[in-house]
N, C-alpha and C. Protein backbone atom coordinates (compact mmCIF):
# COMPACT_ATOMS: atom_id res chain seq x y z
N MET A 1 0.77 -1.28 -0.06
CA MET A 1 -0.16 -0.02 -0.08
C MET A 1 0.89 1.31 -0.07
N PRO A 2 0.37 2.08 -0.60
CA PRO A 2 1.30 3.68 -0.69
C PRO A 2 1.15 4.17 0.75
N ARG A 3 2.23 5.22 0.90
CA ARG A 3 1.96 5.60 2.09
C ARG A 3 2.18 7.24 2.09
N ILE A 4 1.54 8.04 2.38
CA ILE A 4 1.37 9.36 2.12
C ILE A 4 1.11 10.26 3.39
N ARG A 5 1.73 11.67 3.58
CA ARG A 5 2.04 12.43 4.87
C ARG A 5 0.48 12.87 4.93
N VAL A 6 0.01 12.92 6.13
CA VAL A 6 -1.19 13.25 6.48
C VAL A 6 -1.22 14.60 7.44
N LYS A 7 -1.92 15.35 7.34
CA LYS A 7 -1.98 16.52 8.14
C LYS A 7 -3.27 16.29 9.28
N ARG A 8 -2.96 16.25 11.03
CA ARG A 8 -4.20 16.14 11.41
C ARG A 8 -4.14 17.62 12.21
N THR A 9 -5.36 18.15 12.44
CA THR A 9 -5.67 19.30 13.05
C THR A 9 -6.59 19.16 14.49
N TYR A 10 -5.99 19.67 15.40
CA TYR A 10 -7.01 19.27 16.61
C TYR A 10 -7.92 20.89 16.75
N LEU A 11 -8.88 20.54 16.97
CA LEU A 11 -9.98 21.84 17.21
C LEU A 11 -10.67 21.86 18.68
N GLU A 12 -10.90 22.92 18.90
CA GLU A 12 -11.85 22.83 20.09
C GLU A 12 -12.58 23.95 20.08
N LEU A 13 -13.84 23.87 20.56
CA LEU A 13 -15.01 24.66 20.58
C LEU A 13 -14.79 25.35 22.23
N PRO A 14 -14.36 26.43 22.54
CA PRO A 14 -14.17 26.80 23.53
C PRO A 14 -15.08 26.89 24.64
N ASP A 15 -16.12 27.45 24.21
CA ASP A 15 -17.16 27.42 25.19
C ASP A 15 -18.48 27.82 24.32
N ARG A 16 -19.80 28.06 25.20
CA ARG A 16 -20.84 28.10 24.40
C ARG A 16 -21.06 29.45 23.44
N ALA A 17 -20.58 30.46 24.01
CA ALA A 17 -20.86 31.49 23.29
C ALA A 17 -19.90 31.77 21.92
N ALA A 18 -18.88 30.66 21.75
CA ALA A 18 -18.18 30.74 20.56
C ALA A 18 -18.81 29.65 19.35
N PHE A 19 -19.95 28.84 19.99
CA PHE A 19 -20.73 28.29 19.29
C PHE A 19 -21.25 29.00 17.82
N ARG A 20 -21.71 28.53 16.81
CA ARG A 20 -22.41 29.66 15.53
C ARG A 20 -23.35 28.40 15.13
N ALA A 21 -24.47 28.34 15.31
CA ALA A 21 -25.35 27.64 14.59
C ALA A 21 -25.49 27.58 12.83
N PRO A 22 -25.66 26.46 12.57
CA PRO A 22 -25.83 26.31 10.92
C PRO A 22 -26.55 27.70 10.52
N THR A 23 -26.57 28.06 9.15
CA THR A 23 -27.89 28.87 9.22
C THR A 23 -28.48 27.85 7.98
N ARG A 24 -28.40 27.13 7.13
CA ARG A 24 -29.02 26.15 6.62
C ARG A 24 -30.10 25.24 7.41
N PRO A 25 -31.25 25.30 7.07
CA PRO A 25 -32.19 24.13 8.13
C PRO A 25 -31.85 22.55 7.64
N ALA A 26 -32.08 21.91 8.61
CA ALA A 26 -31.86 20.39 8.40
C ALA A 26 -33.24 19.94 7.49
N PRO A 27 -32.91 18.91 6.59
CA PRO A 27 -33.64 18.67 5.95
C PRO A 27 -34.79 17.91 6.70
N PRO A 28 -36.30 18.15 6.37
CA PRO A 28 -37.57 17.63 7.38
C PRO A 28 -37.27 16.18 7.46
N GLY A 29 -37.91 15.85 8.78
CA GLY A 29 -37.47 14.69 9.31
C GLY A 29 -36.00 14.11 9.67
N ALA A 30 -35.33 15.03 9.91
CA ALA A 30 -33.72 14.58 10.00
C ALA A 30 -33.79 14.56 11.82
N CYS A 31 -33.27 13.72 12.46
CA CYS A 31 -33.06 13.73 13.57
C CYS A 31 -31.76 12.70 14.33
N LEU A 32 -31.32 13.10 15.26
CA LEU A 32 -30.41 12.51 15.76
C LEU A 32 -30.82 11.62 17.00
N GLU A 33 -30.31 10.11 17.10
CA GLU A 33 -31.12 9.44 18.16
C GLU A 33 -29.76 8.72 18.78
N ARG A 34 -29.97 8.50 19.93
CA ARG A 34 -28.88 7.80 21.02
C ARG A 34 -29.05 6.16 20.65
N ILE A 35 -28.04 5.61 20.10
CA ILE A 35 -27.86 4.15 20.21
C ILE A 35 -27.61 3.36 21.16
N ASP A 36 -28.25 2.94 22.17
CA ASP A 36 -27.94 2.58 23.52
C ASP A 36 -29.19 1.29 23.72
N PRO A 37 -28.11 0.22 23.92
CA PRO A 37 -26.91 -0.10 23.67
C PRO A 37 -26.54 -0.25 22.48
N CYS A 38 -25.19 -0.03 22.00
CA CYS A 38 -24.87 0.16 20.81
C CYS A 38 -23.81 -1.09 20.57
N PRO A 39 -24.54 -2.26 19.87
CA PRO A 39 -24.19 -3.56 19.88
C PRO A 39 -22.46 -3.56 19.28
N VAL A 40 -21.60 -4.62 19.34
CA VAL A 40 -20.14 -4.28 18.30
C VAL A 40 -20.59 -4.20 17.07
N ALA A 41 -21.32 -4.87 16.54
CA ALA A 41 -21.68 -5.27 15.07
C ALA A 41 -22.37 -3.65 14.43
N THR A 42 -23.15 -3.13 15.57
CA THR A 42 -23.58 -2.19 14.80
C THR A 42 -22.45 -0.89 14.96
N TYR A 43 -21.48 -1.06 16.09
CA TYR A 43 -20.25 0.27 15.78
C TYR A 43 -19.57 -0.07 14.62
N ARG A 44 -19.25 -1.34 14.23
CA ARG A 44 -18.42 -1.72 13.05
C ARG A 44 -19.14 -1.41 12.07
N ALA A 45 -20.17 -1.45 11.72
CA ALA A 45 -21.13 -1.16 10.71
C ALA A 45 -20.98 0.11 10.34
N LEU A 46 -21.14 1.24 11.11
CA LEU A 46 -21.25 2.68 11.35
C LEU A 46 -19.91 3.23 10.53
N TYR A 47 -19.20 2.52 11.68
CA TYR A 47 -17.58 2.61 11.09
C TYR A 47 -17.30 2.74 9.84
N GLN A 48 -17.62 1.46 9.40
CA GLN A 48 -17.27 1.32 7.94
C GLN A 48 -17.74 2.00 6.98
N ALA A 49 -19.31 2.22 7.32
CA ALA A 49 -20.30 2.89 6.01
C ALA A 49 -19.75 4.55 6.36
N VAL A 50 -19.47 5.08 7.24
CA VAL A 50 -18.96 6.25 7.59
C VAL A 50 -17.30 6.39 7.22
N GLY A 51 -16.45 5.65 7.21
CA GLY A 51 -15.43 6.06 7.37
C GLY A 51 -14.49 4.99 5.94
N GLU A 52 -15.10 4.37 5.75
CA GLU A 52 -14.39 3.70 4.43
C GLU A 52 -13.69 4.68 3.51
N ARG A 53 -14.94 5.60 2.92
CA ARG A 53 -14.16 6.22 2.03
C ARG A 53 -13.19 7.62 2.61
N TRP A 54 -13.07 7.55 3.71
CA TRP A 54 -11.67 8.31 4.29
C TRP A 54 -10.68 7.58 4.68
N HIS A 55 -10.41 6.26 4.39
CA HIS A 55 -9.50 5.54 4.85
C HIS A 55 -9.08 5.42 6.45
N TRP A 56 -10.29 5.30 7.00
CA TRP A 56 -10.60 4.70 8.53
C TRP A 56 -9.93 3.47 8.49
N ARG A 57 -9.26 3.08 9.54
CA ARG A 57 -8.55 1.94 9.44
C ARG A 57 -8.49 1.15 10.80
N ASP A 58 -7.77 2.32 12.21
CA ASP A 58 -8.00 1.86 13.14
C ASP A 58 -8.43 0.78 14.08
N GLN A 59 -9.76 1.19 13.52
CA GLN A 59 -10.95 0.15 14.53
C GLN A 59 -10.72 -1.67 13.73
N HIS A 60 -10.30 -1.53 12.55
CA HIS A 60 -10.59 -3.08 11.96
C HIS A 60 -10.16 -3.98 12.81
N ALA A 61 -8.65 -4.05 13.30
CA ALA A 61 -8.38 -4.80 14.06
C ALA A 61 -8.55 -4.79 15.45
N ARG A 62 -9.08 -4.09 15.76
CA ARG A 62 -9.62 -4.06 17.13
C ARG A 62 -10.50 -5.32 17.11
N PRO A 63 -10.06 -5.82 18.48
CA PRO A 63 -10.78 -7.25 19.09
C PRO A 63 -11.97 -6.62 19.59
N ASP A 64 -13.33 -7.83 19.41
CA ASP A 64 -14.82 -7.35 20.16
C ASP A 64 -14.68 -7.15 21.33
N ALA A 65 -14.07 -7.62 21.85
CA ALA A 65 -14.12 -7.34 23.48
C ALA A 65 -13.58 -6.44 23.75
N GLU A 66 -12.46 -5.60 23.05
CA GLU A 66 -11.94 -4.26 23.30
C GLU A 66 -13.13 -3.22 22.95
N ILE A 67 -13.81 -3.66 21.85
CA ILE A 67 -14.74 -2.55 21.48
C ILE A 67 -15.75 -2.40 22.15
N GLN A 68 -16.13 -3.57 23.02
CA GLN A 68 -17.63 -3.78 23.84
C GLN A 68 -16.98 -3.11 25.07
N ALA A 69 -15.65 -3.25 25.66
CA ALA A 69 -15.44 -2.72 26.89
C ALA A 69 -15.56 -1.34 26.69
N HIS A 70 -15.52 -0.21 25.55
CA HIS A 70 -15.15 0.47 25.15
C HIS A 70 -16.81 1.17 24.99
N LEU A 71 -17.67 0.78 24.51
CA LEU A 71 -18.96 0.84 24.38
C LEU A 71 -19.69 1.02 25.67
N ASP A 72 -19.22 0.09 26.58
CA ASP A 72 -19.66 -0.09 27.91
C ASP A 72 -19.19 1.02 29.14
N ASP A 73 -18.29 1.67 28.52
CA ASP A 73 -17.87 2.93 29.23
C ASP A 73 -18.56 4.04 29.57
N PRO A 74 -19.45 4.24 30.74
CA PRO A 74 -20.56 5.32 30.64
C PRO A 74 -20.09 6.73 30.17
N ARG A 75 -18.67 6.86 29.74
CA ARG A 75 -18.49 8.02 29.52
C ARG A 75 -18.37 8.33 27.81
N VAL A 76 -19.01 6.98 27.16
CA VAL A 76 -19.08 6.86 25.86
C VAL A 76 -20.16 7.06 25.31
N SER A 77 -20.82 7.61 24.23
CA SER A 77 -22.40 7.56 23.71
C SER A 77 -21.83 7.81 22.52
N GLU A 78 -22.94 6.75 21.81
CA GLU A 78 -22.98 6.65 20.44
C GLU A 78 -24.18 7.10 19.65
N TRP A 79 -24.41 7.99 18.78
CA TRP A 79 -25.49 8.83 18.07
C TRP A 79 -25.95 8.25 16.38
N GLY A 80 -26.93 8.25 16.09
CA GLY A 80 -27.26 7.97 14.56
C GLY A 80 -28.04 8.83 14.36
N LEU A 81 -27.75 9.32 13.12
CA LEU A 81 -28.22 10.52 12.24
C LEU A 81 -29.58 9.58 11.36
N ARG A 82 -30.71 9.99 11.55
CA ARG A 82 -32.02 9.28 10.82
C ARG A 82 -32.31 10.60 10.12
N ALA A 83 -32.26 10.40 8.43
CA ALA A 83 -33.08 11.30 7.39
C ALA A 83 -33.47 10.53 6.45
N PRO A 84 -34.47 11.24 6.31
CA PRO A 84 -35.53 10.30 5.37
C PRO A 84 -35.08 10.00 4.03
N GLY A 85 -34.96 8.89 3.40
CA GLY A 85 -34.75 8.56 2.26
C GLY A 85 -32.88 8.33 2.37
N LEU A 86 -32.26 8.75 3.24
CA LEU A 86 -30.91 8.45 2.92
C LEU A 86 -30.19 7.49 4.32
N GLY A 87 -29.42 6.95 3.65
CA GLY A 87 -28.80 5.76 4.79
C GLY A 87 -29.01 4.75 3.85
N SER A 88 -28.39 3.43 4.47
CA SER A 88 -28.40 2.07 3.53
C SER A 88 -28.36 0.83 4.38
N PRO A 89 -28.59 -0.49 3.85
CA PRO A 89 -28.80 -1.27 4.71
C PRO A 89 -27.51 -1.52 5.81
N ALA A 90 -26.29 -0.98 4.90
CA ALA A 90 -24.96 -1.36 5.28
C ALA A 90 -24.43 -0.36 6.57
N SER A 91 -25.13 0.74 6.54
CA SER A 91 -25.42 1.87 7.53
C SER A 91 -26.56 1.67 8.67
N LEU A 92 -27.21 0.46 8.55
CA LEU A 92 -28.38 0.40 9.37
C LEU A 92 -29.37 1.40 9.18
N GLY A 93 -29.43 1.93 8.08
CA GLY A 93 -30.63 2.93 7.62
C GLY A 93 -29.96 4.71 8.43
N TYR A 94 -28.89 4.40 9.02
CA TYR A 94 -28.41 5.59 9.28
C TYR A 94 -27.43 6.71 8.15
N ALA A 95 -28.20 7.95 8.44
CA ALA A 95 -27.13 9.00 7.42
C ALA A 95 -26.06 9.34 7.98
N GLY A 96 -25.87 9.10 8.80
CA GLY A 96 -24.26 9.56 9.56
C GLY A 96 -24.32 9.30 11.24
N TRP A 97 -23.09 9.31 11.67
CA TRP A 97 -23.23 8.74 12.88
C TRP A 97 -21.96 9.83 13.80
N VAL A 98 -21.91 9.79 15.02
CA VAL A 98 -21.13 10.61 16.35
C VAL A 98 -20.89 9.51 17.15
N GLU A 99 -19.72 9.49 17.61
CA GLU A 99 -19.13 9.10 19.02
C GLU A 99 -18.62 10.09 19.89
N LEU A 100 -19.54 10.50 21.04
CA LEU A 100 -18.99 11.56 21.99
C LEU A 100 -18.30 10.81 23.39
N VAL A 101 -16.75 10.97 23.38
CA VAL A 101 -16.26 10.39 24.71
C VAL A 101 -16.26 11.56 25.81
N ALA A 102 -16.73 11.68 26.86
CA ALA A 102 -16.34 12.83 27.79
C ALA A 102 -14.76 12.33 28.34
N ARG A 103 -13.94 13.20 27.92
CA ARG A 103 -12.43 13.20 28.14
C ARG A 103 -11.99 13.90 29.86
N ASP A 104 -12.75 14.80 30.15
CA ASP A 104 -12.31 15.17 31.54
C ASP A 104 -13.54 16.09 32.17
N ALA A 105 -13.20 16.58 33.32
CA ALA A 105 -14.08 17.32 33.94
C ALA A 105 -15.09 18.32 33.25
N ASP A 106 -14.28 18.93 32.04
CA ASP A 106 -15.35 19.94 31.35
C ASP A 106 -14.71 19.64 29.50
N ALA A 107 -14.31 18.67 29.51
CA ALA A 107 -14.48 18.22 27.71
C ALA A 107 -14.84 17.26 27.22
N VAL A 108 -15.59 17.07 26.34
CA VAL A 108 -15.93 16.11 25.87
C VAL A 108 -15.30 16.24 24.10
N GLU A 109 -14.86 15.13 23.90
CA GLU A 109 -14.66 14.93 22.34
C GLU A 109 -15.51 14.06 21.48
N ILE A 110 -15.42 14.88 20.43
CA ILE A 110 -16.45 13.98 19.15
C ILE A 110 -15.19 13.20 18.66
N GLN A 111 -15.16 11.89 19.21
CA GLN A 111 -14.28 11.06 18.75
C GLN A 111 -14.48 10.31 17.27
N TYR A 112 -15.71 10.02 17.01
CA TYR A 112 -15.80 9.98 15.28
C TYR A 112 -17.22 10.78 15.09
N PHE A 113 -16.99 11.04 13.71
CA PHE A 113 -18.02 11.99 13.04
C PHE A 113 -18.37 12.07 11.58
N GLY A 114 -19.43 11.63 11.08
CA GLY A 114 -19.20 11.65 9.60
C GLY A 114 -20.72 11.14 8.83
N LEU A 115 -20.99 11.50 7.83
CA LEU A 115 -21.69 11.23 6.99
C LEU A 115 -21.67 9.58 6.03
N VAL A 116 -22.65 9.15 5.64
CA VAL A 116 -22.83 7.93 5.13
C VAL A 116 -22.48 8.71 3.45
N PRO A 117 -21.83 7.52 2.74
CA PRO A 117 -21.62 8.92 0.99
C PRO A 117 -22.85 9.34 0.50
N ASP A 118 -24.46 8.52 0.39
CA ASP A 118 -25.26 9.39 -0.16
C ASP A 118 -25.99 10.43 0.49
N ALA A 119 -25.28 10.81 1.99
CA ALA A 119 -25.98 11.61 2.69
C ALA A 119 -25.01 12.72 2.71
N ILE A 120 -23.46 12.82 2.08
CA ILE A 120 -22.79 13.72 1.83
C ILE A 120 -23.42 14.87 0.47
N GLY A 121 -23.57 16.46 1.23
CA GLY A 121 -24.01 17.38 -0.24
C GLY A 121 -25.64 17.45 0.41
N GLN A 122 -26.27 17.25 1.22
CA GLN A 122 -27.31 17.11 1.35
C GLN A 122 -27.80 18.17 2.86
N GLY A 123 -27.19 18.80 2.90
CA GLY A 123 -27.13 19.82 3.96
C GLY A 123 -27.41 19.18 5.32
N LEU A 124 -26.65 18.09 5.64
CA LEU A 124 -26.81 17.25 7.00
C LEU A 124 -25.42 17.66 7.73
N GLY A 125 -24.45 17.99 7.46
CA GLY A 125 -23.07 17.93 8.01
C GLY A 125 -23.48 19.18 8.90
N GLY A 126 -23.84 20.31 8.85
CA GLY A 126 -23.86 21.25 9.89
C GLY A 126 -24.92 20.89 11.20
N PHE A 127 -25.86 20.66 10.47
CA PHE A 127 -27.14 19.97 11.69
C PHE A 127 -26.48 18.78 12.52
N LEU A 128 -25.62 17.85 11.72
CA LEU A 128 -24.95 16.29 12.55
C LEU A 128 -24.11 17.24 13.73
N LEU A 129 -23.34 18.24 13.09
CA LEU A 129 -22.11 18.76 13.99
C LEU A 129 -22.84 19.43 15.35
N ALA A 130 -23.79 20.54 14.87
CA ALA A 130 -24.88 21.53 16.07
C ALA A 130 -25.37 20.21 16.73
N SER A 131 -25.77 19.12 16.37
CA SER A 131 -26.65 18.22 17.20
C SER A 131 -25.59 17.61 18.18
N ALA A 132 -24.65 17.37 17.67
CA ALA A 132 -23.33 16.53 18.53
C ALA A 132 -22.93 17.38 19.32
N VAL A 133 -22.82 18.83 19.26
CA VAL A 133 -22.28 19.96 20.12
C VAL A 133 -23.31 19.99 21.35
N GLU A 134 -24.40 20.04 21.11
CA GLU A 134 -25.38 20.01 22.13
C GLU A 134 -25.68 18.62 22.96
N ARG A 135 -25.17 17.60 22.34
CA ARG A 135 -25.34 16.63 23.30
C ARG A 135 -23.97 16.60 23.95
N ALA A 136 -23.00 16.98 23.73
CA ALA A 136 -21.68 17.46 24.49
C ALA A 136 -21.67 18.05 25.62
N TRP A 137 -22.92 19.42 25.50
CA TRP A 137 -23.12 20.16 26.28
C TRP A 137 -23.93 19.56 27.46
N ALA A 138 -25.09 18.64 26.69
CA ALA A 138 -25.83 18.12 27.91
C ALA A 138 -25.01 16.84 28.69
N MET A 139 -23.85 16.18 28.12
CA MET A 139 -22.86 15.46 28.84
C MET A 139 -22.20 16.25 30.04
N GLY A 140 -22.52 17.56 30.02
CA GLY A 140 -21.74 18.51 30.97
C GLY A 140 -20.36 19.06 30.32
N ALA A 141 -20.27 19.07 29.38
CA ALA A 141 -19.00 19.93 28.69
C ALA A 141 -19.31 21.51 28.71
N ASP A 142 -17.92 21.92 28.89
CA ASP A 142 -17.66 23.48 28.98
C ASP A 142 -16.96 23.86 27.76
N ARG A 143 -16.22 22.24 26.89
CA ARG A 143 -15.77 22.74 25.89
C ARG A 143 -15.82 21.33 25.18
N VAL A 144 -15.92 21.70 24.02
CA VAL A 144 -15.98 20.59 22.86
C VAL A 144 -14.63 20.72 22.19
N ILE A 145 -13.99 19.09 22.02
CA ILE A 145 -13.05 19.09 21.08
C ILE A 145 -12.95 18.03 20.05
N LEU A 146 -12.20 18.18 19.24
CA LEU A 146 -12.12 17.08 17.79
C LEU A 146 -11.24 17.23 17.30
N ASN A 147 -10.60 16.31 16.04
CA ASN A 147 -9.65 16.50 15.40
C ASN A 147 -10.03 15.80 14.04
N THR A 148 -9.30 16.31 13.04
CA THR A 148 -9.55 15.98 11.78
C THR A 148 -8.47 15.94 11.08
N CYS A 149 -8.52 15.19 9.63
CA CYS A 149 -7.25 15.36 9.09
C CYS A 149 -7.32 15.39 7.57
N THR A 150 -6.08 15.44 6.70
CA THR A 150 -6.50 15.57 5.41
C THR A 150 -6.88 14.45 4.50
N LEU A 151 -7.22 13.35 5.22
CA LEU A 151 -7.68 12.17 4.73
C LEU A 151 -9.30 12.45 4.79
N ASP A 152 -9.82 12.96 5.68
CA ASP A 152 -11.42 13.75 6.07
C ASP A 152 -12.04 13.93 4.53
N ALA A 153 -13.17 14.23 4.71
CA ALA A 153 -13.96 14.99 3.61
C ALA A 153 -13.31 16.13 3.57
N PRO A 154 -13.38 17.03 2.33
CA PRO A 154 -12.80 18.32 2.36
C PRO A 154 -13.66 19.07 3.03
N GLN A 155 -15.08 19.12 3.21
CA GLN A 155 -16.07 19.55 3.60
C GLN A 155 -15.90 20.01 5.32
N ALA A 156 -15.37 18.73 5.91
CA ALA A 156 -14.82 18.67 7.50
C ALA A 156 -14.78 19.91 8.26
N LEU A 157 -13.67 20.11 8.00
CA LEU A 157 -12.63 21.38 8.44
C LEU A 157 -13.04 22.52 8.34
N PRO A 158 -13.90 22.95 7.13
CA PRO A 158 -14.79 24.12 7.39
C PRO A 158 -16.06 24.03 7.77
N ASN A 159 -16.47 22.76 7.90
CA ASN A 159 -17.89 22.83 8.91
C ASN A 159 -17.31 23.03 10.27
N TYR A 160 -16.47 22.16 10.92
CA TYR A 160 -15.90 22.47 12.15
C TYR A 160 -15.56 24.43 12.48
N GLN A 161 -15.23 24.83 11.42
CA GLN A 161 -14.60 26.05 11.88
C GLN A 161 -15.78 27.25 11.86
N ALA A 162 -16.89 26.79 10.73
CA ALA A 162 -18.10 27.40 10.55
C ALA A 162 -18.85 27.31 12.00
N ARG A 163 -18.72 26.53 12.69
CA ARG A 163 -19.54 26.40 13.91
C ARG A 163 -18.87 26.86 15.39
N GLY A 164 -17.67 27.35 14.78
CA GLY A 164 -17.08 28.03 15.83
C GLY A 164 -15.75 27.46 16.60
N PHE A 165 -15.42 25.95 16.13
CA PHE A 165 -14.22 25.51 16.70
C PHE A 165 -12.77 26.43 15.89
N ARG A 166 -12.04 26.26 16.82
CA ARG A 166 -10.62 26.59 16.17
C ARG A 166 -9.51 25.75 16.55
N GLU A 167 -8.79 26.30 15.59
CA GLU A 167 -7.48 25.04 15.79
C GLU A 167 -6.94 25.24 16.85
N VAL A 168 -6.41 24.34 17.07
CA VAL A 168 -5.32 24.64 18.80
C VAL A 168 -3.93 23.90 18.42
N ARG A 169 -3.49 22.90 17.78
CA ARG A 169 -2.61 22.36 17.34
C ARG A 169 -2.70 21.47 15.93
N GLU A 170 -1.54 21.03 15.22
CA GLU A 170 -1.75 20.19 14.03
C GLU A 170 -0.38 19.61 14.49
N GLU A 171 -0.60 18.11 13.55
CA GLU A 171 1.03 17.46 13.36
C GLU A 171 0.70 16.52 12.06
N TRP A 172 1.58 16.17 12.03
CA TRP A 172 2.03 15.49 10.62
C TRP A 172 2.33 13.76 10.89
N TYR A 173 1.56 12.89 10.16
CA TYR A 173 2.20 11.52 10.17
C TYR A 173 2.18 10.84 8.83
N GLU A 174 2.25 9.64 8.93
CA GLU A 174 2.24 9.22 7.27
C GLU A 174 1.05 7.94 8.05
N ALA A 175 0.14 7.86 6.55
CA ALA A 175 -0.72 6.76 6.59
C ALA A 175 -0.52 5.79 5.25
N GLU A 176 -1.04 4.70 5.58
CA GLU A 176 -1.11 3.58 4.37
C GLU A 176 -2.39 4.05 3.63
N VAL A 177 -2.76 4.10 2.63
CA VAL A 177 -3.83 4.27 1.67
C VAL A 177 -3.97 3.19 0.51
């Protein structure tokens, strides 16, 4: 497999005042629902459906028992985006997926975030991100953190910045694609 240099950008939404809601309304019927409990098979299906296009690989070799322990952690929550007419059997009918992880007393991380291919360009990214931030606040976050990289969708970084996230650091690494 070829190796390429990838830039990872770490971002944070430092407080509620920095948040900017999307100006584009969500498509009718779009909603974020908690996946609780989240079976390992569901986690793997969403990870694959959302991340395959962007070369997400880190969870493929992870044993089921390790993923189950992660999902059982009370600091972790899984959320699926429903949007009429979008999603597929491979994505269990979800148009997108978010994993939130409480990291410390004041920060919640958006660990995984994305849309399935047929949902990209449908006006759901801003809605999904705003909904994820609202859920993070409900978990007790004062600030929300995440990271993205140059392998992710080209819309990812601009979406985060449009919602008020700011870059806090970056790093370079090599990845097989």
